[in-house]
PDB file of N, CA and C in Angstrom:
ATOM      1  N   MET A   1      36.511 117.996  99.453  1.00  0.00           N
ATOM      2  CA  MET A   1      37.091 118.759 100.388  1.00  0.00           C
ATOM      3  C   MET A   1      36.708 118.494 102.207  1.00  0.00           C
ATOM      4  N   MET A   2      35.567 118.031 102.300  1.00  0.00           N
ATOM      5  CA  MET A   2      35.123 117.971 103.250  1.00  0.00           C
ATOM      6  C   MET A   2      36.049 116.284 104.113  1.00  0.00           C
ATOM      7  N   VAL A   3      35.737 115.355 102.142  1.00  0.00           N
ATOM      8  CA  VAL A   3      36.654 113.770 103.123  1.00  0.00           C
ATOM      9  C   VAL A   3      37.870 113.735 103.276  1.00  0.00           C
ATOM     10  N   TYR A   4      38.304 114.760 102.517  1.00  0.00           N
ATOM     11  CA  TYR A   4      40.009 114.940 103.238  1.00  0.00           C
ATOM     12  C   TYR A   4      40.019 115.828 104.848  1.00  0.00           C
ATOM     13  N   LEU A   5      39.221 116.535 104.834  1.00  0.00           N
ATOM     14  CA  LEU A   5      39.577 117.519 106.350  1.00  0.00           C
ATOM     15  C   LEU A   5      39.343 116.309 107.233  1.00  0.00           C
ATOM     16  N   THR A   6      38.339 115.309 106.919  1.00  0.00           N
ATOM     17  CA  THR A   6      38.027 114.225 107.800  1.00  0.00           C
ATOM     18  C   THR A   6      39.125 113.204 107.766  1.00  0.00           C
ATOM     19  N   PHE A   7      39.418 112.702 107.019  1.00  0.00           N
ATOM     20  CA  PHE A   7      40.718 112.089 107.075  1.00  0.00           C
ATOM     21  C   PHE A   7      42.035 112.459 107.983  1.00  0.00           C
ATOM     22  N   LEU A   8      42.097 113.654 107.602  1.00  0.00           N
ATOM     23  CA  LEU A   8      42.955 114.348 108.143  1.00  0.00           C
ATOM     24  C   LEU A   8      42.953 114.555 109.463  1.00  0.00           C
ATOM     25  N   GLY A   9      41.927 114.832 109.949  1.00  0.00           N
ATOM     26  CA  GLY A   9      41.427 115.106 111.474  1.00  0.00           C
ATOM     27  C   GLY A   9      41.750 113.626 111.909  1.00  0.00           C
ATOM     28  N   LEU A  10      41.066 112.625 111.770  1.00  0.00           N
ATOM     29  CA  LEU A  10      41.518 111.370 111.951  1.00  0.00           C
ATOM     30  C   LEU A  10      43.009 110.902 112.427  1.00  0.00           C
ATOM     31  N   SER A  11      43.622 111.575 111.265  1.00  0.00           N
ATOM     32  CA  SER A  11      44.671 111.100 111.660  1.00  0.00           C
ATOM     33  C   SER A  11      45.418 112.352 112.822  1.00  0.00           C
ATOM     34  N   VAL A  12      44.979 113.057 112.995  1.00  0.00           N
ATOM     35  CA  VAL A  12      45.492 114.135 114.315  1.00  0.00           C
ATOM     36  C   VAL A  12      44.915 113.588 115.509  1.00  0.00           C
ATOM     37  N   GLY A  13      44.179 112.973 115.385  1.00  0.00           N
ATOM     38  CA  GLY A  13      43.264 112.152 116.553  1.00  0.00           C
ATOM     39  C   GLY A  13      44.022 110.922 117.053  1.00  0.00           C
ATOM     40  N   VAL A  14      44.723 109.937 115.580  1.00  0.00           N
ATOM     41  CA  VAL A  14      45.646 108.821 116.266  1.00  0.00           C
ATOM     42  C   VAL A  14      46.775 109.437 117.040  1.00  0.00           C
ATOM     43  N   LYS A  15      47.211 110.601 116.192  1.00  0.00           N
ATOM     44  CA  LYS A  15      48.590 110.976 116.512  1.00  0.00           C
ATOM     45  C   LYS A  15      48.872 111.337 118.489  1.00  0.00           C
ATOM     46  N   ARG A  16      47.260 112.270 118.585  1.00  0.00           N
ATOM     47  CA  ARG A  16      47.326 112.231 119.776  1.00  0.00           C
ATOM     48  C   ARG A  16      46.857 111.921 120.712  1.00  0.00           C
ATOM     49  N   GLY A  17      46.422 110.230 120.385  1.00  0.00           N
ATOM     50  CA  GLY A  17      45.569 109.350 121.162  1.00  0.00           C
ATOM     51  C   GLY A  17      44.440 109.805 121.659  1.00  0.00           C
ATOM     52  N   VAL A  18      43.482 110.109 121.120  1.00  0.00           N
ATOM     53  CA  VAL A  18      42.015 110.858 121.397  1.00  0.00           C
ATOM     54  C   VAL A  18      41.034 110.325 120.432  1.00  0.00           C
ATOM     55  N   LEU A  19      40.902 109.048 119.967  1.00  0.00           N
ATOM     56  CA  LEU A  19      40.167 108.162 119.480  1.00  0.00           C
ATOM     57  C   LEU A  19      39.617 107.401 120.260  1.00  0.00           C
ATOM     58  N   ILE A  20      38.472 106.949 119.642  1.00  0.00           N
ATOM     59  CA  ILE A  20      37.862 105.750 120.466  1.00  0.00           C
ATOM     60  C   ILE A  20      38.408 105.107 121.528  1.00  0.00           C
ATOM     61  N   ASN A  21      38.449 104.521 122.433  1.00  0.00           N
ATOM     62  CA  ASN A  21      39.300 103.438 123.117  1.00  0.00           C
ATOM     63  C   ASN A  21      38.658 103.525 123.985  1.00  0.00           C
ATOM     64  N   ILE A  22      38.984 101.838 124.521  1.00  0.00           N
ATOM     65  CA  ILE A  22      38.147 101.260 125.481  1.00  0.00           C
ATOM     66  C   ILE A  22      39.032 101.388 126.932  1.00  0.00           C
ATOM     67  N   GLU A  23      39.439 102.627 127.316  1.00  0.00           N
ATOM     68  CA  GLU A  23      39.789 102.794 128.299  1.00  0.00           C
ATOM     69  C   GLU A  23      39.041 102.959 130.188  1.00  0.00           C
ATOM     70  N   ALA A  24      37.569 103.176 129.559  1.00  0.00           N
ATOM     71  CA  ALA A  24      37.003 102.713 131.416  1.00  0.00           C
ATOM     72  C   ALA A  24      37.547 101.537 131.508  1.00  0.00           C
ATOM     73  N   PHE A  25      37.302 100.506 130.349  1.00  0.00           N
ATOM     74  CA  PHE A  25      37.384  99.087 130.755  1.00  0.00           C
ATOM     75  C   PHE A  25      39.183  98.275 130.850  1.00  0.00           C
ATOM     76  N   MET A  26      39.675  99.160 130.059  1.00  0.00           N
ATOM     77  CA  MET A  26      41.139  99.261 130.872  1.00  0.00           C
ATOM     78  C   MET A  26      41.377  99.433 132.355  1.00  0.00           C
ATOM     79  N   ASN A  27      41.000 100.667 132.874  1.00  0.00           N
ATOM     80  CA  ASN A  27      41.094 101.242 134.182  1.00  0.00           C
ATOM     81  C   ASN A  27      40.908  99.971 135.347  1.00  0.00           C
ATOM     82  N   LEU A  28      40.183  98.972 134.899  1.00  0.00           N
ATOM     83  CA  LEU A  28      39.814  98.071 135.587  1.00  0.00           C
ATOM     84  C   LEU A  28      40.946  97.057 136.175  1.00  0.00           C
ATOM     85  N   PHE A  29      42.184  96.900 135.076  1.00  0.00           N
ATOM     86  CA  PHE A  29      43.028  95.892 135.458  1.00  0.00           C
ATOM     87  C   PHE A  29      44.469  97.003 135.545  1.00  0.00           C
ATOM     88  N   PRO A  30      45.249  95.908 136.192  1.00  0.00           N
ATOM     89  CA  PRO A  30      46.515  96.626 136.429  1.00  0.00           C
ATOM     90  C   PRO A  30      47.329  97.103 135.495  1.00  0.00           C
ATOM     91  N   PRO A  31      48.280  98.161 135.805  1.00  0.00           N
ATOM     92  CA  PRO A  31      49.352  98.794 134.668  1.00  0.00           C
ATOM     93  C   PRO A  31      49.833  97.937 133.998  1.00  0.00           C
ATOM     94  N   GLN A  32      50.490  96.870 134.053  1.00  0.00           N
ATOM     95  CA  GLN A  32      50.898  95.742 133.433  1.00  0.00           C
ATOM     96  C   GLN A  32      50.122  95.580 132.207  1.00  0.00           C
ATOM     97  N   ILE A  33      48.944  94.732 132.456  1.00  0.00           N
ATOM     98  CA  ILE A  33      47.646  94.413 131.700  1.00  0.00           C
ATOM     99  C   ILE A  33      47.239  95.637 130.866  1.00  0.00           C
ATOM    100  N   GLN A  34      47.205  96.688 131.449  1.00  0.00           N
ATOM    101  CA  GLN A  34      46.667  98.011 130.890  1.00  0.00           C
ATOM    102  C   GLN A  34      47.652  98.213 129.621  1.00  0.00           C
ATOM    103  N   ASN A  35      48.976  98.270 129.618  1.00  0.00           N
ATOM    104  CA  ASN A  35      49.935  98.624 128.826  1.00  0.00           C
ATOM    105  C   ASN A  35      49.954  97.384 127.287  1.00  0.00           C
ATOM    106  N   THR A  36      49.626  95.897 127.924  1.00  0.00           N
ATOM    107  CA  THR A  36      49.547  95.079 126.804  1.00  0.00           C
ATOM    108  C   THR A  36      48.432  95.323 126.255  1.00  0.00           C
ATOM    109  N   GLY A  37      47.262  95.563 126.734  1.00  0.00           N
ATOM    110  CA  GLY A  37      45.791  96.050 126.005  1.00  0.00           C
ATOM    111  C   GLY A  37      45.836  97.209 125.343  1.00  0.00           C
ATOM    112  N   ALA A  38      46.934  98.448 125.601  1.00  0.00           N
ATOM    113  CA  ALA A  38      46.999  99.131 124.948  1.00  0.00           C
ATOM    114  C   ALA A  38      47.877  98.814 123.436  1.00  0.00           C
ATOM    115  N   LEU A  39      48.634  98.201 123.728  1.00  0.00           N
ATOM    116  CA  LEU A  39      49.965  98.094 122.542  1.00  0.00           C
ATOM    117  C   LEU A  39      48.700  96.808 121.512  1.00  0.00           C
ATOM    118  N   PHE A  40      48.128  95.730 122.329  1.00  0.00           N
ATOM    119  CA  PHE A  40      46.945  95.085 121.504  1.00  0.00           C
ATOM    120  C   PHE A  40      46.178  95.940 120.721  1.00  0.00           C
ATOM    121  N   VAL A  41      45.659  96.969 121.248  1.00  0.00           N
ATOM    122  CA  VAL A  41      44.176  97.785 120.623  1.00  0.00           C
ATOM    123  C   VAL A  41      45.105  98.918 119.092  1.00  0.00           C
ATOM    124  N   THR A  42      46.664  99.396 119.692  1.00  0.00           N
ATOM    125  CA  THR A  42      47.249 100.147 118.732  1.00  0.00           C
ATOM    126  C   THR A  42      46.936  99.182 117.128  1.00  0.00           C
ATOM    127  N   LEU A  43      47.985  97.624 117.857  1.00  0.00           N
ATOM    128  CA  LEU A  43      48.397  97.040 116.554  1.00  0.00           C
ATOM    129  C   LEU A  43      46.571  96.374 115.782  1.00  0.00           C
ATOM    130  N   LEU A  44      45.714  96.524 116.747  1.00  0.00           N
ATOM    131  CA  LEU A  44      44.634  96.101 115.727  1.00  0.00           C
ATOM    132  C   LEU A  44      43.944  97.140 115.051  1.00  0.00           C
ATOM    133  N   ASN A  45      44.359  98.267 115.657  1.00  0.00           N
ATOM    134  CA  ASN A  45      43.779  99.775 114.849  1.00  0.00           C
ATOM    135  C   ASN A  45      44.747  99.812 113.159  1.00  0.00           C
ATOM    136  N   MET A  46      46.481  99.398 113.445  1.00  0.00           N
ATOM    137  CA  MET A  46      47.263  99.521 112.800  1.00  0.00           C
ATOM    138  C   MET A  46      47.007  98.360 111.411  1.00  0.00           C
ATOM    139  N   ALA A  47      46.284  97.382 111.936  1.00  0.00           N
ATOM    140  CA  ALA A  47      45.978  96.298 110.763  1.00  0.00           C
ATOM    141  C   ALA A  47      44.785  96.816 110.070  1.00  0.00           C
ATOM    142  N   PHE A  48      44.094  97.328 110.955  1.00  0.00           N
ATOM    143  CA  PHE A  48      42.700  98.406 109.908  1.00  0.00           C
ATOM    144  C   PHE A  48      43.171  99.099 109.003  1.00  0.00           C
ATOM    145  N   PHE A  49      44.178 100.111 109.344  1.00  0.00           N
ATOM    146  CA  PHE A  49      44.664 101.077 109.025  1.00  0.00           C
ATOM    147  C   PHE A  49      45.124 100.359 107.712  1.00  0.00           C
ATOM    148  N   TYR A  50      46.129  99.248 107.848  1.00  0.00           N
ATOM    149  CA  TYR A  50      46.409  98.938 106.293  1.00  0.00           C
ATOM    150  C   TYR A  50      45.554  98.427 105.690  1.00  0.00           C
ATOM    151  N   VAL A  51      44.283  97.534 105.770  1.00  0.00           N
ATOM    152  CA  VAL A  51      43.511  97.077 104.712  1.00  0.00           C
ATOM    153  C   VAL A  51      42.663  98.223 104.373  1.00  0.00           C
ATOM    154  N   LEU A  52      42.484  99.502 105.079  1.00  0.00           N
ATOM    155  CA  LEU A  52      42.067 100.716 104.430  1.00  0.00           C
ATOM    156  C   LEU A  52      42.528 101.517 103.180  1.00  0.00           C
ATOM    157  N   LEU A  53      44.541 101.193 103.728  1.00  0.00           N
ATOM    158  CA  LEU A  53      45.235 102.059 102.441  1.00  0.00           C
ATOM    159  C   LEU A  53      45.231 101.319 101.649  1.00  0.00           C
ATOM    160  N   ARG A  54      45.178  99.368 101.776  1.00  0.00           N
ATOM    161  CA  ARG A  54      45.151  98.913 100.469  1.00  0.00           C
ATOM    162  C   ARG A  54      44.107  98.968  99.572  1.00  0.00           C
ATOM    163  N   TYR A  55      42.638  98.909 100.187  1.00  0.00           N
ATOM    164  CA  TYR A  55      41.709  98.870  99.558  1.00  0.00           C
ATOM    165  C   TYR A  55      41.240 100.654  98.945  1.00  0.00           C
ATOM    166  N   GLY A  56      41.985 101.365  99.592  1.00  0.00           N
ATOM    167  CA  GLY A  56      41.889 102.523  99.349  1.00  0.00           C
ATOM    168  C   GLY A  56      42.425 103.062  98.150  1.00  0.00           C
ATOM    169  N   VAL A  57      43.676 102.656  97.996  1.00  0.00           N
ATOM    170  CA  VAL A  57      44.417 102.589  96.596  1.00  0.00           C
ATOM    171  C   VAL A  57      44.105 101.677  95.988  1.00  0.00           C
ATOM    172  N   LYS A  58      43.331 100.813  95.785  1.00  0.00           N
ATOM    173  CA  LYS A  58      42.563  99.779  94.569  1.00  0.00           C
ATOM    174  C   LYS A  58      41.390 100.955  93.960  1.00  0.00           C
ATOM    175  N   ILE A  59      40.621 101.719  94.930  1.00  0.00           N
ATOM    176  CA  ILE A  59      39.847 102.247  94.521  1.00  0.00           C
ATOM    177  C   ILE A  59      40.230 103.448  93.694  1.00  0.00           C
ATOM    178  N   VAL A  60      41.143 104.255  94.232  1.00  0.00           N
ATOM    179  CA  VAL A  60      41.413 105.022  93.502  1.00  0.00           C
ATOM    180  C   VAL A  60      42.332 104.899  91.885  1.00  0.00           C
ATOM    181  N   LEU A  61      43.088 103.639  91.880  1.00  0.00           N
ATOM    182  CA  LEU A  61      43.374 103.113  90.504  1.00  0.00           C
ATOM    183  C   LEU A  61      41.929 102.862  89.640  1.00  0.00           C
ATOM    184  N   PHE A  62      40.932 102.370  90.345  1.00  0.00           N
ATOM    185  CA  PHE A  62      39.928 101.930  89.363  1.00  0.00           C
ATOM    186  C   PHE A  62      39.352 102.971  89.371  1.00  0.00           C
ATOM    187  N   THR A  63      39.037 104.270  89.865  1.00  0.00           N
ATOM    188  CA  THR A  63      38.120 105.411  89.850  1.00  0.00           C
ATOM    189  C   THR A  63      38.986 106.377  89.201  1.00  0.00           C
ATOM    190  N   LEU A  64      39.928 106.583  89.032  1.00  0.00           N
ATOM    191  CA  LEU A  64      41.046 107.533  88.192  1.00  0.00           C
ATOM    192  C   LEU A  64      40.327 108.006  86.380  1.00  0.00           C
ATOM    193  N   ARG A  65      39.829 106.657  85.850  1.00  0.00           N
ATOM    194  CA  ARG A  65      39.102 107.016  84.530  1.00  0.00           C
ATOM    195  C   ARG A  65      38.023 107.806  84.640  1.00  0.00           C
ATOM    196  N   GLN A  66      37.250 108.013  85.990  1.00  0.00           N
ATOM    197  CA  GLN A  66      35.809 108.341  86.337  1.00  0.00           C
ATOM    198  C   GLN A  66      35.334 110.115  86.373  1.00  0.00           C
ATOM    199  N   THR A  67      35.354 110.952  85.859  1.00  0.00           N
ATOM    200  CA  THR A  67      35.167 112.136  86.081  1.00  0.00           C
ATOM    201  C   THR A  67      33.659 112.841  86.991  1.00  0.00           C
ATOM    202  N   SER A  68      33.895 113.078  87.945  1.00  0.00           N
ATOM    203  CA  SER A  68      32.113 113.606  88.656  1.00  0.00           C
ATOM    204  C   SER A  68      31.709 114.833  87.814  1.00  0.00           C
ATOM    205  N   PRO A  69      30.881 114.379  87.750  1.00  0.00           N
ATOM    206  CA  PRO A  69      29.799 114.566  86.838  1.00  0.00           C
ATOM    207  C   PRO A  69      29.537 116.397  87.025  1.00  0.00           C
ATOM    208  N   ALA A  70      29.460 116.491  88.237  1.00  0.00           N
ATOM    209  CA  ALA A  70      28.951 118.499  88.909  1.00  0.00           C
ATOM    210  C   ALA A  70      30.235 118.770  89.170  1.00  0.00           C
ATOM    211  N   MET A  71      31.542 118.290  89.418  1.00  0.00           N
ATOM    212  CA  MET A  71      32.668 119.318  89.687  1.00  0.00           C
ATOM    213  C   MET A  71      33.478 118.840  88.673  1.00  0.00           C
ATOM    214  N   GLY A  72      33.722 117.901  87.753  1.00  0.00           N
ATOM    215  CA  GLY A  72      34.533 117.922  86.697  1.00  0.00           C
ATOM    216  C   GLY A  72      35.809 117.079  87.146  1.00  0.00           C
ATOM    217  N   VAL A  73      35.766 116.643  88.373  1.00  0.00           N
ATOM    218  CA  VAL A  73      37.177 116.197  88.946  1.00  0.00           C
ATOM    219  C   VAL A  73      37.128 115.005  88.585  1.00  0.00           C
ATOM    220  N   LYS A  74      38.276 114.019  88.767  1.00  0.00           N
ATOM    221  CA  LYS A  74      38.554 112.704  88.335  1.00  0.00           C
ATOM    222  C   LYS A  74      37.946 112.059  89.892  1.00  0.00           C
ATOM    223  N   MET A  75      37.147 110.851  89.674  1.00  0.00           N
ATOM    224  CA  MET A  75      36.540 110.648  91.238  1.00  0.00           C
ATOM    225  C   MET A  75      38.195 109.810  92.130  1.00  0.00           C
ATOM    226  N   GLY A  76      39.225 109.869  91.124  1.00  0.00           N
ATOM    227  CA  GLY A  76      40.356 108.858  92.117  1.00  0.00           C
ATOM    228  C   GLY A  76      41.023 109.891  93.062  1.00  0.00           C
ATOM    229  N   TYR A  77      41.052 111.258  92.476  1.00  0.00           N
ATOM    230  CA  TYR A  77      41.563 112.374  93.464  1.00  0.00           C
ATOM    231  C   TYR A  77      40.749 112.255  94.714  1.00  0.00           C
ATOM    232  N   ILE A  78      39.350 112.367  94.753  1.00  0.00           N
ATOM    233  CA  ILE A  78      38.569 112.307  96.265  1.00  0.00           C
ATOM    234  C   ILE A  78      38.430 111.124  96.828  1.00  0.00           C
ATOM    235  N   TYR A  79      38.384 109.911  95.923  1.00  0.00           N
ATOM    236  CA  TYR A  79      39.053 108.639  96.874  1.00  0.00           C
ATOM    237  C   TYR A  79      40.550 108.146  97.042  1.00  0.00           C
ATOM    238  N   ALA A  80      41.196 109.290  96.746  1.00  0.00           N
ATOM    239  CA  ALA A  80      42.957 109.181  97.137  1.00  0.00           C
ATOM    240  C   ALA A  80      42.988 109.857  98.599  1.00  0.00           C
ATOM    241  N   SER A  81      41.649 110.208  99.026  1.00  0.00           N
ATOM    242  CA  SER A  81      41.968 110.632 100.400  1.00  0.00           C
ATOM    243  C   SER A  81      41.664 109.460 101.708  1.00  0.00           C
ATOM    244  N   ILE A  82      41.142 108.548 101.060  1.00  0.00           N
ATOM    245  CA  ILE A  82      41.131 107.098 102.047  1.00  0.00           C
ATOM    246  C   ILE A  82      42.989 106.826 101.964  1.00  0.00           C
ATOM    247  N   ALA A  83      43.094 106.577 101.309  1.00  0.00           N
ATOM    248  CA  ALA A  83      44.215 106.244 101.259  1.00  0.00           C
ATOM    249  C   ALA A  83      45.586 107.210 101.705  1.00  0.00           C
ATOM    250  N   ILE A  84      45.610 108.021 101.620  1.00  0.00           N
ATOM    251  CA  ILE A  84      46.274 109.237 102.340  1.00  0.00           C
ATOM    252  C   ILE A  84      46.348 109.558 103.693  1.00  0.00           C
ATOM    253  N   GLY A  85      45.174 109.526 104.069  1.00  0.00           N
ATOM    254  CA  GLY A  85      44.355 109.749 105.723  1.00  0.00           C
ATOM    255  C   GLY A  85      44.859 108.289 106.416  1.00  0.00           C
ATOM    256  N   ALA A  86      44.586 107.250 105.588  1.00  0.00           N
ATOM    257  CA  ALA A  86      44.747 105.697 105.914  1.00  0.00           C
ATOM    258  C   ALA A  86      46.809 106.171 106.328  1.00  0.00           C
ATOM    259  N   ALA A  87      47.345 106.137 105.347  1.00  0.00           N
ATOM    260  CA  ALA A  87      48.821 106.271 105.548  1.00  0.00           C
ATOM    261  C   ALA A  87      49.548 107.042 106.665  1.00  0.00           C
ATOM    262  N   LEU A  88      48.508 108.165 106.792  1.00  0.00           N
ATOM    263  CA  LEU A  88      48.793 108.864 107.844  1.00  0.00           C
ATOM    264  C   LEU A  88      48.636 108.345 109.109  1.00  0.00           C
ATOM    265  N   MET A  89      47.591 107.742 109.274  1.00  0.00           N
ATOM    266  CA  MET A  89      46.612 107.047 110.667  1.00  0.00           C
ATOM    267  C   MET A  89      48.330 106.012 111.003  1.00  0.00           C
ATOM    268  N   MET A  90      48.711 105.472 109.739  1.00  0.00           N
ATOM    269  CA  MET A  90      49.670 104.118 110.138  1.00  0.00           C
ATOM    270  C   MET A  90      50.409 105.024 110.658  1.00  0.00           C
ATOM    271  N   LEU A  91      51.357 105.825 110.055  1.00  0.00           N
ATOM    272  CA  LEU A  91      52.317 106.174 110.120  1.00  0.00           C
ATOM    273  C   LEU A  91      52.468 106.665 111.559  1.00  0.00           C
ATOM    274  N   HIS A  92      51.365 107.699 111.932  1.00  0.00           N
ATOM    275  CA  HIS A  92      51.315 108.369 113.466  1.00  0.00           C
ATOM    276  C   HIS A  92      51.250 106.866 114.528  1.00  0.00           C
ATOM    277  N   SER A  93      50.376 105.330 114.028  1.00  0.00           N
ATOM    278  CA  SER A  93      50.540 104.390 114.910  1.00  0.00           C
ATOM    279  C   SER A  93      51.864 104.135 114.987  1.00  0.00           C
ATOM    280  N   VAL A  94      52.271 104.556 114.171  1.00  0.00           N
ATOM    281  CA  VAL A  94      53.809 103.403 114.200  1.00  0.00           C
ATOM    282  C   VAL A  94      54.813 104.882 115.307  1.00  0.00           C
ATOM    283  N   ASP A  95      54.612 105.526 114.933  1.00  0.00           N
ATOM    284  CA  ASP A  95      55.147 106.877 115.763  1.00  0.00           C
ATOM    285  C   ASP A  95      55.415 106.651 117.140  1.00  0.00           C
ATOM    286  N   ASN A  96      53.871 106.742 117.609  1.00  0.00           N
ATOM    287  CA  ASN A  96      53.262 106.779 118.968  1.00  0.00           C
ATOM    288  C   ASN A  96      53.976 105.561 119.442  1.00  0.00           C
ATOM    289  N   LEU A  97      54.273 104.050 118.947  1.00  0.00           N
ATOM    290  CA  LEU A  97      54.359 103.193 119.310  1.00  0.00           C
ATOM    291  C   LEU A  97      56.005 103.110 119.719  1.00  0.00           C
ATOM    292  N   LEU A  98      56.622 103.376 118.480  1.00  0.00           N
ATOM    293  CA  LEU A  98      58.317 103.811 118.908  1.00  0.00           C
ATOM    294  C   LEU A  98      58.376 104.608 119.941  1.00  0.00           C
ATOM    295  N   GLN A  99      57.807 106.019 119.886  1.00  0.00           N
ATOM    296  CA  GLN A  99      57.995 106.632 121.261  1.00  0.00           C
ATOM    297  C   GLN A  99      57.321 106.148 122.781  1.00  0.00           C
ATOM    298  N   LYS A 100      56.546 105.097 122.995  1.00  0.00           N
ATOM    299  CA  LYS A 100      56.258 104.761 124.053  1.00  0.00           C
ATOM    300  C   LYS A 100      57.348 103.816 124.243  1.00  0.00           C
ATOM    301  N   PHE A 101      57.579 102.991 123.507  1.00  0.00           N
ATOM    302  CA  PHE A 101      58.691 102.167 123.871  1.00  0.00           C
ATOM    303  C   PHE A 101      60.392 102.564 124.218  1.00  0.00           C
ATOM    304  N   SER A 102      60.387 103.541 123.528  1.00  0.00           N
ATOM    305  CA  SER A 102      61.371 104.511 123.873  1.00  0.00           C
ATOM    306  C   SER A 102      61.479 104.941 125.322  1.00  0.00           C
ATOM    307  N   ASN A 103      60.276 105.870 125.580  1.00  0.00           N
ATOM    308  CA  ASN A 103      60.467 106.221 126.691  1.00  0.00           C
ATOM    309  C   ASN A 103      60.145 105.009 127.728  1.00  0.00           C
ATOM    310  N   LYS A 104      59.587 103.594 127.963  1.00  0.00           N
ATOM    311  CA  LYS A 104      59.994 102.458 128.617  1.00  0.00           C
ATOM    312  C   LYS A 104      61.236 102.151 128.844  1.00  0.00           C
ATOM    313  N   ALA A 105      62.070 102.098 127.713  1.00  0.00           N
ATOM    314  CA  ALA A 105      63.587 101.770 127.733  1.00  0.00           C
ATOM    315  C   ALA A 105      64.406 102.820 128.387  1.00  0.00           C
ATOM    316  N   THR A 106      63.969 104.060 128.356  1.00  0.00           N
ATOM    317  CA  THR A 106      64.710 105.345 128.472  1.00  0.00           C
ATOM    318  C   THR A 106      64.131 104.971 130.562  1.00  0.00           C
ATOM    319  N   VAL A 107      63.380 104.635 130.663  1.00  0.00           N
ATOM    320  CA  VAL A 107      62.726 104.578 132.559  1.00  0.00           C
ATOM    321  C   VAL A 107      63.453 103.823 132.988  1.00  0.00           C
ATOM    322  N   ASN A 108      63.030 102.474 132.443  1.00  0.00           N
ATOM    323  CA  ASN A 108      64.447 100.791 132.560  1.00  0.00           C
ATOM    324  C   ASN A 108      65.206 101.614 132.687  1.00  0.00           C
ATOM    325  N   SER A 109      66.087 101.897 131.895  1.00  0.00           N
ATOM    326  CA  SER A 109      67.636 101.943 131.912  1.00  0.00           C
ATOM    327  C   SER A 109      67.783 102.764 133.259  1.00  0.00           C
ATOM    328  N   HIS A 110      67.074 103.741 133.530  1.00  0.00           N
ATOM    329  CA  HIS A 110      67.543 104.621 134.690  1.00  0.00           C
ATOM    330  C   HIS A 110      67.067 103.745 136.234  1.00  0.00           C
ATOM    331  N   ASP A 111      66.248 102.853 136.176  1.00  0.00           N
ATOM    332  CA  ASP A 111      66.176 102.193 137.223  1.00  0.00           C
ATOM    333  C   ASP A 111      67.569 101.665 138.247  1.00  0.00           C
TER     334      ASP A 111
END
């Protein structure tokens, strides 16, 4: 259960944009470079979430036949938290990007 809470908490952190960031470093640059840097960091995070999702699914499929000796639960269900969390983080990242670009388009159309 703790693993599920960890990955769900991480996905909430991605949604709110409060995960580890290079904000102190990025504040040294002009706003245009800050926006480009934020986009780059988000895309890099999404690449990591994709790798996490891909290998998380592989681990789930590999461990579905194994049973936890202490709890009697299939290990694939426990490892599914990795894939579920990665998928949620990916979706939140995409949503954040779409909101950011739709806000920019709205701001630029009013100029």
